[in-house]
Amino acid sequence: MTLGEISLRALSGEPATLGGLGRKALLVVNVASKCGLTPQYTALERLQERFGDKGFSVAGFPCNQFGGQEPGTSEEIAEFCSATYGVTFPMFEKIDVNGPDRHPLYAELTQAPDAEGAAGDIQWNFEKFLVSGGGKILARFRPRTEPESAEVVAAIEAALA
C-alpha cells in the first residue's frame, strides 16, 4: 500500500485518501488552531495558491496531542481555518500522529529522517513532510521551519520540476 492509498477521512467526515491530491507533490502537515505556530496557516495557504495549479497541494491533519492545542470538533476546526486563515487546501479529521494510536499515515511518515538524519516521533504541531505524487517521502521539515522558507520552497520546486 502506498501513502496515497491509506484510508483517511476528510474534515467533513467523508472517506478520503491522499491519492490524486498532489499529482506531483504534497505537503502533509499536522496542524492545530491554538498553537504559537498556528500563523503558519497563512504561509501554507500561500504555498497552495502559488503552486496549486502546478500539481501541488497542502494536506492538513489536525492533532490534539501537543498541549491540547486542537480541542475543537471538525466543524469548529473547519470554521476557524476558513474564517481566520482562508484555508482552501484539503483538511482531514483529527488524528494521532504519535503513540499507540498513531494513524497509519504517520506510522509511515515518521520513518523518514529530517535534514539532520533524525526520524521518529513528531516533535510538535506543524511538522511538514513533502511527498511525491507517487508517494515517496522527499523531505521532512521540523515545526519551526517556516512553510515559505528557502529550503521548503526549493524542495517543492524540485518536486514539481
Protein backbone atom coordinates (compact mmCIF):
# COMPACT_ATOMS: atom_id res chain seq x y z
CA MET A 1 0.00 0.00 0.00
CA THR A 2 1.29 3.46 -0.91
CA LEU A 3 0.82 6.65 1.12
CA GLY A 4 -1.82 7.72 -1.40
CA GLU A 5 -3.89 4.61 -0.72
CA ILE A 6 -4.06 4.88 3.09
CA SER A 7 -7.64 5.26 4.27
CA LEU A 8 -8.42 8.71 5.68
CA ARG A 9 -11.44 10.84 6.49
CA ALA A 10 -11.89 14.38 5.22
CA LEU A 11 -12.75 17.02 7.82
CA SER A 12 -16.35 16.67 6.56
CA GLY A 13 -16.29 13.01 7.64
CA GLU A 14 -16.27 11.63 4.10
CA PRO A 15 -13.87 8.76 3.26
CA ALA A 16 -10.74 10.05 1.55
CA THR A 17 -7.16 9.29 0.54
CA LEU A 18 -4.19 11.40 -0.43
CA GLY A 19 -4.20 9.78 -3.88
CA GLY A 20 -4.63 12.37 -6.60
CA LEU A 21 -4.38 15.39 -4.29
CA GLY A 22 -0.87 16.44 -5.16
CA ARG A 23 -0.32 14.96 -8.61
CA LYS A 24 3.35 15.90 -8.36
CA ALA A 25 3.89 16.90 -4.72
CA LEU A 26 2.04 17.10 -1.43
CA LEU A 27 2.99 18.87 1.79
CA VAL A 28 1.48 16.91 4.70
CA VAL A 29 1.26 18.96 7.91
CA ASN A 30 -0.09 18.20 11.39
CA VAL A 31 -1.91 21.37 12.39
CA ALA A 32 -3.50 22.97 15.48
CA SER A 33 -5.72 26.02 15.97
CA LYS A 34 -4.42 27.23 19.33
CA CYS A 35 -0.64 26.94 18.91
CA GLY A 36 2.02 29.61 18.75
CA LEU A 37 2.81 28.23 15.27
CA THR A 38 -0.81 28.48 14.06
CA PRO A 39 0.01 31.58 11.95
CA GLN A 40 1.86 29.14 9.65
CA TYR A 41 -1.60 28.52 8.14
CA THR A 42 -1.11 31.82 6.26
CA ALA A 43 2.10 30.64 4.62
CA LEU A 44 0.68 27.18 3.92
CA GLU A 45 -2.26 28.78 2.12
CA ARG A 46 0.14 30.98 0.11
CA LEU A 47 2.04 27.84 -0.96
CA GLN A 48 -1.28 26.28 -2.01
CA GLU A 49 -2.12 29.37 -4.08
CA ARG A 50 1.38 29.65 -5.55
CA PHE A 51 1.86 26.01 -6.58
CA GLY A 52 -1.64 24.50 -6.61
CA ASP A 53 -2.07 24.76 -10.37
CA LYS A 54 1.30 23.04 -10.89
CA GLY A 55 0.30 19.71 -9.31
CA PHE A 56 0.94 20.61 -5.65
CA SER A 57 -1.30 20.55 -2.60
CA VAL A 58 -1.03 21.07 1.13
CA ALA A 59 -2.89 18.50 3.28
CA GLY A 60 -3.71 19.48 6.88
CA PHE A 61 -4.14 16.95 9.68
CA PRO A 62 -5.46 18.43 12.93
CA CYS A 63 -3.91 16.85 16.01
CA ASN A 64 -4.61 17.47 19.70
CA GLN A 65 -1.55 15.62 21.07
CA PHE A 66 0.61 18.68 21.77
CA GLY A 67 -0.61 20.71 24.72
CA GLY A 68 -4.28 20.15 23.83
CA GLN A 69 -3.94 22.85 21.17
CA GLU A 70 -6.57 21.41 18.80
CA PRO A 71 -9.57 20.77 21.08
CA GLY A 72 -12.31 21.62 18.58
CA THR A 73 -14.75 19.49 16.65
CA SER A 74 -14.35 19.02 12.90
CA GLU A 75 -16.93 21.76 12.34
CA GLU A 76 -15.12 24.18 14.67
CA ILE A 77 -11.77 23.43 13.02
CA ALA A 78 -13.24 23.98 9.53
CA GLU A 79 -14.83 27.28 10.59
CA PHE A 80 -11.64 28.51 12.27
CA CYS A 81 -9.41 27.65 9.30
CA SER A 82 -11.78 29.20 6.78
CA ALA A 83 -12.71 32.34 8.71
CA THR A 84 -9.31 33.10 10.24
CA TYR A 85 -6.86 31.99 7.55
CA GLY A 86 -8.92 31.48 4.39
CA VAL A 87 -7.70 27.90 4.11
CA THR A 88 -8.65 26.27 0.81
CA PHE A 89 -6.34 23.24 0.91
CA PRO A 90 -7.75 19.85 1.96
CA MET A 91 -8.15 19.25 5.68
CA PHE A 92 -8.69 15.87 7.27
CA GLU A 93 -10.20 14.61 10.51
CA LYS A 94 -8.26 14.95 13.73
CA ILE A 95 -5.76 12.11 14.20
CA ASP A 96 -2.95 10.97 16.49
CA VAL A 97 0.50 11.37 14.97
CA ASN A 98 2.42 9.73 17.84
CA GLY A 99 1.86 6.96 20.35
CA PRO A 100 -0.09 3.69 20.32
CA ASP A 101 -3.00 5.19 18.32
CA ARG A 102 -0.74 6.80 15.70
CA HIS A 103 -2.56 6.91 12.37
CA PRO A 104 -1.10 4.54 9.71
CA LEU A 105 -0.20 7.57 7.56
CA TYR A 106 2.02 8.92 10.31
CA ALA A 107 3.42 5.45 11.06
CA GLU A 108 4.90 5.70 7.55
CA LEU A 109 5.81 9.39 7.59
CA THR A 110 7.69 9.26 10.90
CA GLN A 111 10.12 6.73 9.45
CA ALA A 112 11.53 9.49 7.24
CA PRO A 113 14.53 11.44 8.55
CA ASP A 114 14.79 15.22 8.71
CA ALA A 115 17.75 17.18 7.28
CA GLU A 116 19.91 16.13 10.27
CA GLY A 117 19.08 12.45 9.74
CA ALA A 118 16.67 12.13 12.69
CA ALA A 119 13.50 10.09 12.15
CA GLY A 120 10.87 9.14 14.72
CA ASP A 121 8.10 10.90 16.57
CA ILE A 122 6.57 14.20 15.54
CA GLN A 123 8.07 16.94 17.71
CA TRP A 124 5.17 19.41 17.78
CA ASN A 125 2.39 20.95 15.69
CA PHE A 126 3.21 22.00 12.11
CA GLU A 127 5.80 19.35 11.26
CA LYS A 128 5.89 19.06 7.48
CA PHE A 129 6.51 16.19 5.04
CA LEU A 130 6.99 16.72 1.33
CA VAL A 131 5.70 13.68 -0.55
CA SER A 132 5.96 12.98 -4.29
CA GLY A 133 2.88 12.28 -6.35
CA GLY A 134 3.94 8.63 -6.32
CA GLY A 135 4.01 8.54 -2.53
CA LYS A 136 7.76 8.80 -1.88
CA ILE A 137 8.72 10.92 1.14
CA LEU A 138 11.06 13.55 -0.28
CA ALA A 139 11.78 15.74 2.76
CA ARG A 140 10.87 16.30 6.39
CA PHE A 141 10.79 19.76 7.94
CA ARG A 142 10.50 20.29 11.68
CA PRO A 143 7.79 22.54 13.17
CA ARG A 144 9.76 25.78 13.39
CA THR A 145 10.76 25.60 9.72
CA GLU A 146 8.57 28.22 8.08
CA PRO A 147 6.48 26.89 5.18
CA GLU A 148 7.84 29.58 2.84
CA SER A 149 11.47 29.18 3.92
CA ALA A 150 14.00 28.86 1.12
CA GLU A 151 14.58 25.17 1.87
CA VAL A 152 10.88 24.24 1.73
CA VAL A 153 10.19 26.26 -1.42
CA ALA A 154 13.29 24.83 -3.15
CA ALA A 155 12.19 21.28 -2.27
CA ILE A 156 8.66 21.93 -3.61
CA GLU A 157 10.03 23.46 -6.82
CA ALA A 158 12.37 20.50 -7.32
CA ALA A 159 9.49 18.07 -6.81
CA LEU A 160 7.40 19.94 -9.37
CA ALA A 161 10.17 20.17 -11.97
